[in-house]
């Protein structure tokens, strides 16, 4: 299921700090740039309202959900407002199992092979390598040698258009994009420019 949303543009928009009144406009500018996965971290202002707005306003081929999901009760909250994606900074197996029981896509954060294998065994749809600043491409390459071949590997943290290639060469399948794409102080136009820059960088890498 997750792969369907990653095929066209395997970049996840992480909208930390998004306010509900800006959610629809930001969502549309991202979709126009080609993004198909949008994540609102739960430490944003009124995140469940933003998720509800995005889930209702975005096309059906866009996966909307929450990041920074820390406990099982939050999984229910995301589902109840129409979110279909659970992203975590850690690998809490209870959260992963509950998300899958609710038929939600789940991408936990991992920083070691032990966490990665445990998360996959619990049903994770992908692993979020976090924070990527502390896990360089050489480490990702070593992980890729032992992880199941079908594992979706998504570095998150410090990703910019000019450092994606080294991770892709190491075996990454896509990326989560934070402050290089979106901050609450950015205008919709600036967010759009950033989104298009990432999309163009990806297309260039794929063509090469």
N, C-alpha and C. Protein backbone atom coordinates (compact mmCIF):
# COMPACT_ATOMS: atom_id res chain seq x y z
N UNK A 1 0.82 -1.21 0.00
CA UNK A 1 0.00 0.00 0.00
C UNK A 1 0.85 1.26 0.00
N UNK A 2 1.85 1.33 0.90
CA UNK A 2 2.70 2.52 0.97
C UNK A 2 3.43 2.75 -0.34
N UNK A 3 3.89 1.68 -0.97
CA UNK A 3 4.65 1.81 -2.21
C UNK A 3 3.83 2.52 -3.29
N UNK A 4 2.53 2.35 -3.28
CA UNK A 4 1.68 3.01 -4.27
C UNK A 4 1.84 4.53 -4.21
N UNK A 5 2.01 5.05 -3.02
CA UNK A 5 2.13 6.50 -2.84
C UNK A 5 3.56 6.99 -3.08
N UNK A 6 4.52 6.09 -3.03
CA UNK A 6 5.92 6.46 -3.21
C UNK A 6 6.38 6.35 -4.66
N UNK A 7 5.61 5.69 -5.50
CA UNK A 7 6.08 5.38 -6.85
C UNK A 7 6.36 6.64 -7.66
N UNK A 8 5.45 7.58 -7.66
CA UNK A 8 5.60 8.78 -8.48
C UNK A 8 6.66 9.73 -7.92
N UNK A 9 6.61 9.97 -6.63
CA UNK A 9 7.57 10.86 -5.97
C UNK A 9 7.74 10.37 -4.54
N UNK A 10 8.85 9.68 -4.23
CA UNK A 10 9.01 9.05 -2.92
C UNK A 10 9.51 10.01 -1.84
N UNK A 11 8.80 11.11 -1.69
CA UNK A 11 9.16 12.13 -0.71
C UNK A 11 7.96 12.40 0.19
N UNK A 12 8.20 12.41 1.49
CA UNK A 12 7.15 12.64 2.47
C UNK A 12 7.29 14.05 3.01
N UNK A 13 6.22 14.82 2.91
CA UNK A 13 6.21 16.19 3.43
C UNK A 13 5.89 16.16 4.92
N UNK A 14 6.82 16.64 5.74
CA UNK A 14 6.64 16.69 7.19
C UNK A 14 6.34 18.13 7.57
N UNK A 15 5.10 18.38 8.00
CA UNK A 15 4.63 19.75 8.21
C UNK A 15 4.58 20.07 9.70
N UNK A 16 5.74 20.06 10.34
CA UNK A 16 5.78 20.34 11.78
C UNK A 16 5.49 21.82 12.04
N UNK A 17 4.48 22.06 12.87
CA UNK A 17 4.11 23.42 13.18
C UNK A 17 2.97 23.95 12.32
N UNK A 18 2.45 23.13 11.42
CA UNK A 18 1.34 23.55 10.58
C UNK A 18 0.13 23.94 11.42
N UNK A 19 -0.52 25.06 11.04
CA UNK A 19 -1.75 25.48 11.70
C UNK A 19 -2.94 25.10 10.83
N UNK A 20 -4.07 24.76 11.46
CA UNK A 20 -5.23 24.32 10.67
C UNK A 20 -5.67 25.32 9.61
N UNK A 21 -5.56 26.60 9.89
CA UNK A 21 -6.03 27.60 8.92
C UNK A 21 -5.18 27.64 7.66
N UNK A 22 -3.99 27.05 7.73
CA UNK A 22 -3.11 27.02 6.56
C UNK A 22 -3.05 25.65 5.89
N UNK A 23 -3.71 24.67 6.48
CA UNK A 23 -3.53 23.28 6.06
C UNK A 23 -3.94 23.05 4.61
N UNK A 24 -5.09 23.53 4.22
CA UNK A 24 -5.57 23.22 2.87
C UNK A 24 -4.68 23.86 1.81
N UNK A 25 -4.30 25.12 1.99
CA UNK A 25 -3.47 25.80 1.00
C UNK A 25 -2.10 25.13 0.88
N UNK A 26 -1.51 24.77 2.02
CA UNK A 26 -0.20 24.10 1.99
C UNK A 26 -0.34 22.73 1.33
N UNK A 27 -1.38 22.01 1.68
CA UNK A 27 -1.58 20.70 1.07
C UNK A 27 -1.70 20.77 -0.44
N UNK A 28 -2.46 21.72 -0.93
CA UNK A 28 -2.66 21.83 -2.38
C UNK A 28 -1.36 22.19 -3.10
N UNK A 29 -0.55 23.07 -2.53
CA UNK A 29 0.69 23.45 -3.21
C UNK A 29 1.67 22.28 -3.25
N UNK A 30 1.63 21.43 -2.22
CA UNK A 30 2.47 20.24 -2.22
C UNK A 30 2.01 19.23 -3.26
N UNK A 31 0.71 19.03 -3.34
CA UNK A 31 0.16 18.09 -4.32
C UNK A 31 0.46 18.57 -5.73
N UNK A 32 0.36 19.87 -5.96
CA UNK A 32 0.68 20.42 -7.28
C UNK A 32 2.13 20.13 -7.67
N UNK A 33 3.01 20.07 -6.68
CA UNK A 33 4.43 19.78 -6.95
C UNK A 33 4.71 18.29 -7.11
N UNK A 34 3.70 17.45 -6.83
CA UNK A 34 3.86 16.01 -7.03
C UNK A 34 3.88 15.18 -5.76
N UNK A 35 3.79 15.81 -4.60
CA UNK A 35 3.82 15.06 -3.34
C UNK A 35 2.53 14.26 -3.17
N UNK A 36 2.69 13.05 -2.64
CA UNK A 36 1.55 12.18 -2.43
C UNK A 36 1.46 11.67 -0.99
N UNK A 37 2.37 12.11 -0.12
CA UNK A 37 2.32 11.72 1.29
C UNK A 37 2.55 12.97 2.13
N UNK A 38 1.62 13.25 3.03
CA UNK A 38 1.68 14.44 3.88
C UNK A 38 1.51 14.03 5.34
N UNK A 39 2.44 14.47 6.16
CA UNK A 39 2.47 14.11 7.58
C UNK A 39 2.41 15.37 8.44
N UNK A 40 1.50 15.39 9.39
CA UNK A 40 1.42 16.48 10.36
C UNK A 40 1.86 15.95 11.72
N UNK A 41 3.03 16.33 12.21
CA UNK A 41 3.47 15.86 13.53
C UNK A 41 2.49 16.30 14.62
N UNK A 42 2.30 15.44 15.60
CA UNK A 42 1.31 15.70 16.63
C UNK A 42 1.75 16.74 17.65
N UNK A 43 3.00 17.23 17.55
CA UNK A 43 3.39 18.35 18.40
C UNK A 43 3.22 19.68 17.67
N UNK A 44 2.37 19.69 16.65
CA UNK A 44 1.97 20.90 15.95
C UNK A 44 0.72 21.47 16.63
N UNK A 45 0.37 22.74 16.35
CA UNK A 45 -0.85 23.31 16.93
C UNK A 45 -2.11 22.63 16.38
N UNK A 46 -2.93 22.10 17.25
CA UNK A 46 -4.20 21.46 16.86
C UNK A 46 -4.00 20.49 15.69
N UNK A 47 -3.11 19.51 15.84
CA UNK A 47 -2.74 18.65 14.72
C UNK A 47 -3.89 17.80 14.18
N UNK A 48 -4.77 17.35 15.05
CA UNK A 48 -5.85 16.49 14.58
C UNK A 48 -6.80 17.27 13.66
N UNK A 49 -6.99 18.55 13.95
CA UNK A 49 -7.82 19.37 13.07
C UNK A 49 -7.15 19.53 11.71
N UNK A 50 -5.84 19.78 11.70
CA UNK A 50 -5.11 19.91 10.43
C UNK A 50 -5.18 18.62 9.62
N UNK A 51 -5.03 17.49 10.30
CA UNK A 51 -5.11 16.20 9.61
C UNK A 51 -6.51 16.01 9.03
N UNK A 52 -7.53 16.36 9.80
CA UNK A 52 -8.91 16.23 9.32
C UNK A 52 -9.14 17.09 8.08
N UNK A 53 -8.64 18.31 8.10
CA UNK A 53 -8.80 19.20 6.96
C UNK A 53 -8.10 18.64 5.73
N UNK A 54 -6.86 18.21 5.90
CA UNK A 54 -6.11 17.65 4.79
C UNK A 54 -6.74 16.38 4.25
N UNK A 55 -7.17 15.51 5.16
CA UNK A 55 -7.79 14.25 4.73
C UNK A 55 -9.03 14.50 3.90
N UNK A 56 -9.76 15.57 4.23
CA UNK A 56 -10.98 15.86 3.50
C UNK A 56 -10.76 16.63 2.21
N UNK A 57 -9.66 17.40 2.16
CA UNK A 57 -9.45 18.30 1.02
C UNK A 57 -8.52 17.74 -0.05
N UNK A 58 -7.65 16.81 0.32
CA UNK A 58 -6.69 16.31 -0.66
C UNK A 58 -7.31 15.22 -1.54
N UNK A 59 -6.79 15.04 -2.75
CA UNK A 59 -7.27 13.96 -3.62
C UNK A 59 -7.11 12.59 -2.95
N UNK A 60 -7.88 11.64 -3.43
CA UNK A 60 -7.86 10.31 -2.82
C UNK A 60 -6.52 9.59 -3.00
N UNK A 61 -5.70 10.05 -3.96
CA UNK A 61 -4.40 9.40 -4.16
C UNK A 61 -3.30 10.03 -3.31
N UNK A 62 -3.70 10.79 -2.29
CA UNK A 62 -2.75 11.40 -1.36
C UNK A 62 -2.95 10.76 0.02
N UNK A 63 -1.86 10.30 0.61
CA UNK A 63 -1.87 9.66 1.92
C UNK A 63 -1.59 10.72 2.98
N UNK A 64 -2.54 10.91 3.89
CA UNK A 64 -2.43 11.93 4.93
C UNK A 64 -2.42 11.25 6.29
N UNK A 65 -1.57 11.74 7.19
CA UNK A 65 -1.55 11.18 8.53
C UNK A 65 -0.71 11.99 9.48
N UNK A 66 -0.25 11.32 10.52
CA UNK A 66 0.42 12.00 11.63
C UNK A 66 1.84 11.53 11.81
N UNK A 67 2.67 12.46 12.27
CA UNK A 67 4.01 12.13 12.72
C UNK A 67 4.11 12.35 14.22
N UNK A 68 5.24 11.95 14.79
CA UNK A 68 5.48 12.07 16.23
C UNK A 68 4.35 11.42 17.02
N UNK A 69 3.92 10.27 16.56
CA UNK A 69 2.89 9.49 17.28
C UNK A 69 3.61 8.70 18.37
N UNK A 70 3.26 8.94 19.61
CA UNK A 70 4.03 8.39 20.72
C UNK A 70 3.32 7.31 21.52
N UNK A 71 1.99 7.25 21.43
CA UNK A 71 1.30 6.24 22.23
C UNK A 71 0.08 5.71 21.48
N UNK A 72 -0.43 4.56 21.91
CA UNK A 72 -1.54 3.93 21.19
C UNK A 72 -2.79 4.79 21.10
N UNK A 73 -3.09 5.56 22.12
CA UNK A 73 -4.30 6.38 22.10
C UNK A 73 -4.27 7.37 20.94
N UNK A 74 -3.10 7.87 20.60
CA UNK A 74 -2.98 8.80 19.48
C UNK A 74 -3.28 8.13 18.15
N UNK A 75 -3.01 6.85 18.05
CA UNK A 75 -3.35 6.11 16.82
C UNK A 75 -4.85 6.17 16.58
N UNK A 76 -5.62 5.96 17.62
CA UNK A 76 -7.08 6.05 17.49
C UNK A 76 -7.50 7.45 17.07
N UNK A 77 -6.85 8.46 17.66
CA UNK A 77 -7.20 9.83 17.32
C UNK A 77 -6.94 10.16 15.86
N UNK A 78 -5.84 9.68 15.33
CA UNK A 78 -5.52 9.92 13.92
C UNK A 78 -6.55 9.25 13.02
N UNK A 79 -6.85 8.01 13.32
CA UNK A 79 -7.84 7.27 12.52
C UNK A 79 -9.20 7.95 12.56
N UNK A 80 -9.59 8.45 13.73
CA UNK A 80 -10.92 9.04 13.89
C UNK A 80 -11.11 10.31 13.07
N UNK A 81 -10.02 11.01 12.72
CA UNK A 81 -10.16 12.23 11.91
C UNK A 81 -9.82 11.98 10.44
N UNK A 82 -9.68 10.72 10.06
CA UNK A 82 -9.47 10.38 8.66
C UNK A 82 -8.04 10.17 8.25
N UNK A 83 -7.10 10.25 9.19
CA UNK A 83 -5.71 9.99 8.86
C UNK A 83 -5.47 8.51 8.61
N UNK A 84 -4.55 8.22 7.69
CA UNK A 84 -4.28 6.83 7.34
C UNK A 84 -2.80 6.47 7.47
N UNK A 85 -2.02 7.37 8.03
CA UNK A 85 -0.58 7.18 8.15
C UNK A 85 -0.14 7.48 9.57
N UNK A 86 0.65 6.57 10.13
CA UNK A 86 1.23 6.74 11.47
C UNK A 86 2.76 6.72 11.33
N UNK A 87 3.38 7.85 11.66
CA UNK A 87 4.83 7.96 11.62
C UNK A 87 5.32 8.25 13.03
N UNK A 88 6.42 7.59 13.41
CA UNK A 88 6.90 7.67 14.78
C UNK A 88 8.39 8.03 14.79
N UNK A 89 8.86 8.68 15.85
CA UNK A 89 10.30 8.92 15.97
C UNK A 89 11.04 7.73 16.58
N UNK A 90 10.27 6.76 17.04
CA UNK A 90 10.83 5.60 17.74
C UNK A 90 10.16 4.34 17.22
N UNK A 91 10.48 3.22 17.85
CA UNK A 91 9.96 1.93 17.37
C UNK A 91 9.18 1.23 18.47
N UNK A 92 8.13 1.89 18.95
CA UNK A 92 7.27 1.31 19.97
C UNK A 92 6.42 0.21 19.31
N UNK A 93 6.66 -1.02 19.68
CA UNK A 93 6.01 -2.15 19.01
C UNK A 93 4.50 -2.15 19.24
N UNK A 94 4.05 -1.66 20.39
CA UNK A 94 2.61 -1.61 20.67
C UNK A 94 1.92 -0.66 19.70
N UNK A 95 2.55 0.48 19.44
CA UNK A 95 1.98 1.45 18.51
C UNK A 95 1.93 0.86 17.10
N UNK A 96 3.01 0.19 16.70
CA UNK A 96 3.06 -0.41 15.37
C UNK A 96 1.94 -1.44 15.21
N UNK A 97 1.82 -2.32 16.17
CA UNK A 97 0.82 -3.39 16.07
C UNK A 97 -0.60 -2.81 16.03
N UNK A 98 -0.86 -1.80 16.85
CA UNK A 98 -2.19 -1.21 16.86
C UNK A 98 -2.48 -0.52 15.53
N UNK A 99 -1.51 0.20 15.00
CA UNK A 99 -1.71 0.86 13.71
C UNK A 99 -2.07 -0.15 12.63
N UNK A 100 -1.41 -1.28 12.63
CA UNK A 100 -1.69 -2.29 11.61
C UNK A 100 -3.04 -2.96 11.86
N UNK A 101 -3.40 -3.14 13.13
CA UNK A 101 -4.73 -3.68 13.43
C UNK A 101 -5.83 -2.75 12.91
N UNK A 102 -5.54 -1.45 12.90
CA UNK A 102 -6.51 -0.46 12.41
C UNK A 102 -6.40 -0.24 10.90
N UNK A 103 -5.57 -1.04 10.24
CA UNK A 103 -5.38 -0.96 8.79
C UNK A 103 -4.79 0.37 8.36
N UNK A 104 -3.87 0.90 9.18
CA UNK A 104 -3.18 2.14 8.87
C UNK A 104 -1.76 1.83 8.41
N UNK A 105 -1.20 2.71 7.61
CA UNK A 105 0.21 2.60 7.21
C UNK A 105 1.06 3.07 8.37
N UNK A 106 2.11 2.33 8.70
CA UNK A 106 2.95 2.67 9.86
C UNK A 106 4.43 2.67 9.50
N UNK A 107 5.08 3.78 9.80
CA UNK A 107 6.51 3.94 9.53
C UNK A 107 7.20 4.39 10.82
N UNK A 108 7.75 3.46 11.58
CA UNK A 108 8.43 3.82 12.82
C UNK A 108 9.86 4.28 12.57
N UNK A 109 10.36 5.08 13.52
CA UNK A 109 11.74 5.52 13.45
C UNK A 109 12.67 4.51 14.10
N UNK A 110 13.79 4.25 13.44
CA UNK A 110 14.77 3.31 13.97
C UNK A 110 16.17 3.91 13.83
N UNK A 111 17.06 3.51 14.73
CA UNK A 111 18.44 4.00 14.68
C UNK A 111 19.45 2.87 14.75
N UNK A 112 18.95 1.62 14.85
CA UNK A 112 19.83 0.45 14.89
C UNK A 112 19.20 -0.69 14.12
N UNK A 113 20.00 -1.65 13.65
CA UNK A 113 19.44 -2.82 12.99
C UNK A 113 18.50 -3.61 13.91
N UNK A 114 18.80 -3.65 15.19
CA UNK A 114 17.93 -4.37 16.13
C UNK A 114 16.53 -3.77 16.13
N UNK A 115 16.45 -2.44 16.19
CA UNK A 115 15.15 -1.77 16.15
C UNK A 115 14.47 -2.00 14.81
N UNK A 116 15.23 -1.97 13.74
CA UNK A 116 14.65 -2.14 12.40
C UNK A 116 14.01 -3.52 12.25
N UNK A 117 14.72 -4.56 12.65
CA UNK A 117 14.17 -5.91 12.51
C UNK A 117 12.96 -6.11 13.42
N UNK A 118 12.99 -5.55 14.63
CA UNK A 118 11.85 -5.69 15.53
C UNK A 118 10.63 -4.97 14.96
N UNK A 119 10.84 -3.79 14.38
CA UNK A 119 9.74 -3.03 13.81
C UNK A 119 9.12 -3.76 12.63
N UNK A 120 9.95 -4.32 11.78
CA UNK A 120 9.45 -5.07 10.63
C UNK A 120 8.67 -6.30 11.07
N UNK A 121 9.16 -6.97 12.09
CA UNK A 121 8.46 -8.16 12.60
C UNK A 121 7.09 -7.79 13.15
N UNK A 122 6.98 -6.58 13.71
CA UNK A 122 5.71 -6.13 14.28
C UNK A 122 4.73 -5.66 13.21
N UNK A 123 5.20 -5.56 11.96
CA UNK A 123 4.31 -5.22 10.86
C UNK A 123 4.56 -3.88 10.19
N UNK A 124 5.64 -3.20 10.53
CA UNK A 124 5.92 -1.88 9.94
C UNK A 124 5.95 -1.95 8.42
N UNK A 125 5.37 -0.93 7.79
CA UNK A 125 5.34 -0.87 6.32
C UNK A 125 6.65 -0.36 5.75
N UNK A 126 7.41 0.36 6.53
CA UNK A 126 8.71 0.91 6.13
C UNK A 126 9.46 1.25 7.40
N UNK A 127 10.74 1.52 7.26
CA UNK A 127 11.50 2.00 8.40
C UNK A 127 12.01 3.40 8.10
N UNK A 128 11.85 4.24 9.08
CA UNK A 128 12.30 5.63 9.02
C UNK A 128 13.64 5.71 9.73
N UNK A 129 14.70 5.92 8.98
CA UNK A 129 16.04 6.03 9.57
C UNK A 129 16.17 7.42 10.16
N UNK A 130 16.24 7.48 11.49
CA UNK A 130 16.14 8.77 12.17
C UNK A 130 17.02 8.80 13.41
N UNK A 131 17.78 9.88 13.59
CA UNK A 131 17.94 11.02 12.67
C UNK A 131 19.02 10.71 11.63
N UNK A 132 18.73 11.01 10.38
CA UNK A 132 19.65 10.66 9.31
C UNK A 132 21.00 11.38 9.44
N UNK A 133 21.00 12.54 10.09
CA UNK A 133 22.28 13.23 10.29
C UNK A 133 23.28 12.37 11.04
N UNK A 134 22.78 11.48 11.91
CA UNK A 134 23.66 10.63 12.71
C UNK A 134 23.86 9.24 12.10
N UNK A 135 23.20 8.99 10.98
CA UNK A 135 23.27 7.67 10.34
C UNK A 135 23.66 7.89 8.88
N UNK A 136 24.94 7.97 8.58
CA UNK A 136 25.40 8.34 7.23
C UNK A 136 25.13 7.24 6.20
N UNK A 137 25.28 7.57 4.94
CA UNK A 137 25.01 6.60 3.88
C UNK A 137 25.79 5.29 4.03
N UNK A 138 27.00 5.34 4.52
CA UNK A 138 27.78 4.10 4.69
C UNK A 138 27.07 3.14 5.64
N UNK A 139 26.44 3.67 6.68
CA UNK A 139 25.70 2.83 7.62
C UNK A 139 24.44 2.28 6.96
N UNK A 140 23.75 3.13 6.19
CA UNK A 140 22.55 2.69 5.48
C UNK A 140 22.91 1.54 4.53
N UNK A 141 24.03 1.66 3.85
CA UNK A 141 24.46 0.60 2.94
C UNK A 141 24.69 -0.71 3.68
N UNK A 142 25.28 -0.63 4.87
CA UNK A 142 25.51 -1.83 5.67
C UNK A 142 24.19 -2.44 6.12
N UNK A 143 23.24 -1.61 6.51
CA UNK A 143 21.91 -2.11 6.89
C UNK A 143 21.25 -2.80 5.70
N UNK A 144 21.35 -2.16 4.56
CA UNK A 144 20.68 -2.68 3.37
C UNK A 144 21.19 -4.08 3.01
N UNK A 145 22.40 -4.37 3.37
CA UNK A 145 22.97 -5.69 3.06
C UNK A 145 22.31 -6.81 3.87
N UNK A 146 21.69 -6.45 4.99
CA UNK A 146 21.10 -7.50 5.84
C UNK A 146 19.58 -7.41 5.96
N UNK A 147 19.00 -6.25 5.67
CA UNK A 147 17.55 -6.13 5.73
C UNK A 147 16.90 -6.91 4.59
N UNK A 148 15.67 -7.35 4.77
CA UNK A 148 14.95 -7.98 3.65
C UNK A 148 14.94 -7.05 2.44
N UNK A 149 15.09 -7.63 1.26
CA UNK A 149 15.22 -6.81 0.05
C UNK A 149 14.02 -5.90 -0.18
N UNK A 150 12.83 -6.34 0.24
CA UNK A 150 11.63 -5.56 -0.02
C UNK A 150 11.43 -4.43 0.98
N UNK A 151 12.29 -4.30 1.98
CA UNK A 151 12.14 -3.26 2.99
C UNK A 151 12.24 -1.86 2.38
N UNK A 152 11.28 -1.02 2.72
CA UNK A 152 11.31 0.38 2.29
C UNK A 152 12.08 1.17 3.35
N UNK A 153 13.16 1.82 2.92
CA UNK A 153 14.06 2.53 3.82
C UNK A 153 13.97 4.02 3.52
N UNK A 154 13.62 4.81 4.54
CA UNK A 154 13.36 6.24 4.35
C UNK A 154 14.17 7.07 5.34
N UNK A 155 15.31 7.62 4.95
CA UNK A 155 16.05 8.52 5.84
C UNK A 155 15.27 9.81 6.09
N UNK A 156 15.34 10.28 7.32
CA UNK A 156 14.63 11.50 7.72
C UNK A 156 15.55 12.28 8.67
N UNK A 157 15.66 13.58 8.40
CA UNK A 157 16.47 14.44 9.26
C UNK A 157 17.64 15.03 8.49
N UNK A 158 17.56 16.31 8.19
CA UNK A 158 18.66 16.97 7.49
C UNK A 158 18.73 16.69 6.01
N UNK A 159 17.66 16.17 5.42
CA UNK A 159 17.68 15.84 4.00
C UNK A 159 17.42 17.10 3.18
N UNK A 160 18.27 17.32 2.18
CA UNK A 160 18.15 18.44 1.26
C UNK A 160 18.32 17.93 -0.16
N UNK A 161 17.95 18.73 -1.16
CA UNK A 161 18.09 18.24 -2.54
C UNK A 161 19.50 17.79 -2.89
N UNK A 162 20.51 18.41 -2.28
CA UNK A 162 21.88 18.10 -2.68
C UNK A 162 22.51 16.94 -1.92
N UNK A 163 21.81 16.34 -0.96
CA UNK A 163 22.42 15.18 -0.27
C UNK A 163 21.60 13.91 -0.42
N UNK A 164 20.59 13.93 -1.30
CA UNK A 164 19.79 12.73 -1.49
C UNK A 164 20.55 11.63 -2.23
N UNK A 165 21.40 12.00 -3.18
CA UNK A 165 22.05 11.01 -4.04
C UNK A 165 22.86 10.00 -3.24
N UNK A 166 23.61 10.46 -2.25
CA UNK A 166 24.46 9.53 -1.50
C UNK A 166 23.63 8.49 -0.75
N UNK A 167 22.46 8.90 -0.26
CA UNK A 167 21.58 7.94 0.41
C UNK A 167 20.92 6.99 -0.59
N UNK A 168 20.53 7.52 -1.73
CA UNK A 168 19.95 6.65 -2.75
C UNK A 168 20.97 5.60 -3.21
N UNK A 169 22.20 6.03 -3.40
CA UNK A 169 23.25 5.09 -3.80
C UNK A 169 23.47 4.01 -2.74
N UNK A 170 23.19 4.35 -1.48
CA UNK A 170 23.37 3.40 -0.39
C UNK A 170 22.17 2.46 -0.23
N UNK A 171 21.07 2.76 -0.94
CA UNK A 171 19.92 1.86 -0.89
C UNK A 171 18.65 2.45 -0.32
N UNK A 172 18.61 3.76 -0.09
CA UNK A 172 17.37 4.38 0.38
C UNK A 172 16.33 4.35 -0.72
N UNK A 173 15.06 4.31 -0.32
CA UNK A 173 13.95 4.27 -1.28
C UNK A 173 13.22 5.60 -1.40
N UNK A 174 13.47 6.51 -0.49
CA UNK A 174 12.81 7.80 -0.48
C UNK A 174 13.21 8.54 0.77
N UNK A 175 12.54 9.67 1.05
CA UNK A 175 12.96 10.52 2.15
C UNK A 175 11.78 11.21 2.81
N UNK A 176 11.95 11.51 4.09
CA UNK A 176 11.05 12.42 4.78
C UNK A 176 11.71 13.78 4.84
N UNK A 177 10.95 14.82 4.52
CA UNK A 177 11.50 16.17 4.40
C UNK A 177 10.88 17.09 5.44
N UNK A 178 11.73 17.72 6.23
CA UNK A 178 11.25 18.59 7.28
C UNK A 178 11.47 20.06 6.97
N UNK A 179 12.35 20.71 7.73
CA UNK A 179 12.46 22.16 7.67
C UNK A 179 13.04 22.69 6.36
N UNK A 180 13.70 21.85 5.58
CA UNK A 180 14.16 22.30 4.26
C UNK A 180 12.99 22.45 3.29
N UNK A 181 11.87 21.84 3.63
CA UNK A 181 10.66 21.95 2.81
C UNK A 181 9.65 22.92 3.41
N UNK A 182 9.43 22.81 4.72
CA UNK A 182 8.36 23.57 5.37
C UNK A 182 8.77 24.02 6.76
N UNK A 183 8.50 25.28 7.05
CA UNK A 183 8.46 25.78 8.43
C UNK A 183 7.21 26.66 8.53
N UNK A 184 6.68 26.83 9.73
CA UNK A 184 5.45 27.62 9.87
C UNK A 184 5.58 29.06 9.40
N UNK A 185 6.80 29.59 9.39
CA UNK A 185 6.98 30.98 8.98
C UNK A 185 7.04 31.17 7.47
N UNK A 186 7.12 30.11 6.72
CA UNK A 186 7.22 30.21 5.26
C UNK A 186 5.87 30.56 4.65
N UNK A 187 5.92 31.34 3.56
CA UNK A 187 4.71 31.59 2.79
C UNK A 187 4.38 30.36 1.96
N UNK A 188 3.14 30.30 1.49
CA UNK A 188 2.74 29.19 0.62
C UNK A 188 3.60 29.18 -0.64
N UNK A 189 3.94 30.35 -1.14
CA UNK A 189 4.78 30.43 -2.35
C UNK A 189 6.16 29.85 -2.10
N UNK A 190 6.73 30.15 -0.94
CA UNK A 190 8.06 29.61 -0.62
C UNK A 190 8.01 28.09 -0.45
N UNK A 191 6.97 27.61 0.20
CA UNK A 191 6.80 26.17 0.35
C UNK A 191 6.71 25.52 -1.03
N UNK A 192 5.96 26.14 -1.92
CA UNK A 192 5.84 25.62 -3.28
C UNK A 192 7.18 25.57 -3.99
N UNK A 193 7.98 26.62 -3.85
CA UNK A 193 9.31 26.62 -4.49
C UNK A 193 10.17 25.50 -3.93
N UNK A 194 10.13 25.32 -2.62
CA UNK A 194 10.91 24.25 -2.01
C UNK A 194 10.45 22.88 -2.50
N UNK A 195 9.14 22.71 -2.56
CA UNK A 195 8.58 21.44 -3.00
C UNK A 195 8.99 21.13 -4.44
N UNK A 196 8.93 22.12 -5.29
CA UNK A 196 9.32 21.91 -6.69
C UNK A 196 10.81 21.63 -6.82
N UNK A 197 11.62 22.26 -5.97
CA UNK A 197 13.06 22.01 -6.00
C UNK A 197 13.37 20.56 -5.62
N UNK A 198 12.70 20.06 -4.60
CA UNK A 198 12.90 18.66 -4.21
C UNK A 198 12.40 17.72 -5.31
N UNK A 199 11.24 18.01 -5.87
CA UNK A 199 10.70 17.15 -6.92
C UNK A 199 11.62 17.12 -8.14
N UNK A 200 12.14 18.27 -8.51
CA UNK A 200 13.05 18.33 -9.65
C UNK A 200 14.33 17.58 -9.36
N UNK A 201 14.87 17.73 -8.15
CA UNK A 201 16.10 17.02 -7.78
C UNK A 201 15.87 15.51 -7.86
N UNK A 202 14.69 15.06 -7.41
CA UNK A 202 14.38 13.62 -7.50
C UNK A 202 14.30 13.17 -8.93
N UNK A 203 13.65 13.91 -9.78
CA UNK A 203 13.51 13.52 -11.19
C UNK A 203 14.88 13.44 -11.86
N UNK A 204 15.77 14.36 -11.55
CA UNK A 204 17.11 14.33 -12.10
C UNK A 204 17.85 13.08 -11.65
N UNK A 205 17.73 12.76 -10.36
CA UNK A 205 18.40 11.57 -9.84
C UNK A 205 17.85 10.30 -10.48
N UNK A 206 16.55 10.25 -10.61
CA UNK A 206 15.94 9.05 -11.21
C UNK A 206 16.36 8.90 -12.68
N UNK A 207 16.46 10.01 -13.39
CA UNK A 207 16.86 9.95 -14.80
C UNK A 207 18.30 9.50 -14.96
N UNK A 208 19.13 9.80 -13.95
CA UNK A 208 20.55 9.45 -14.06
C UNK A 208 20.80 8.02 -13.60
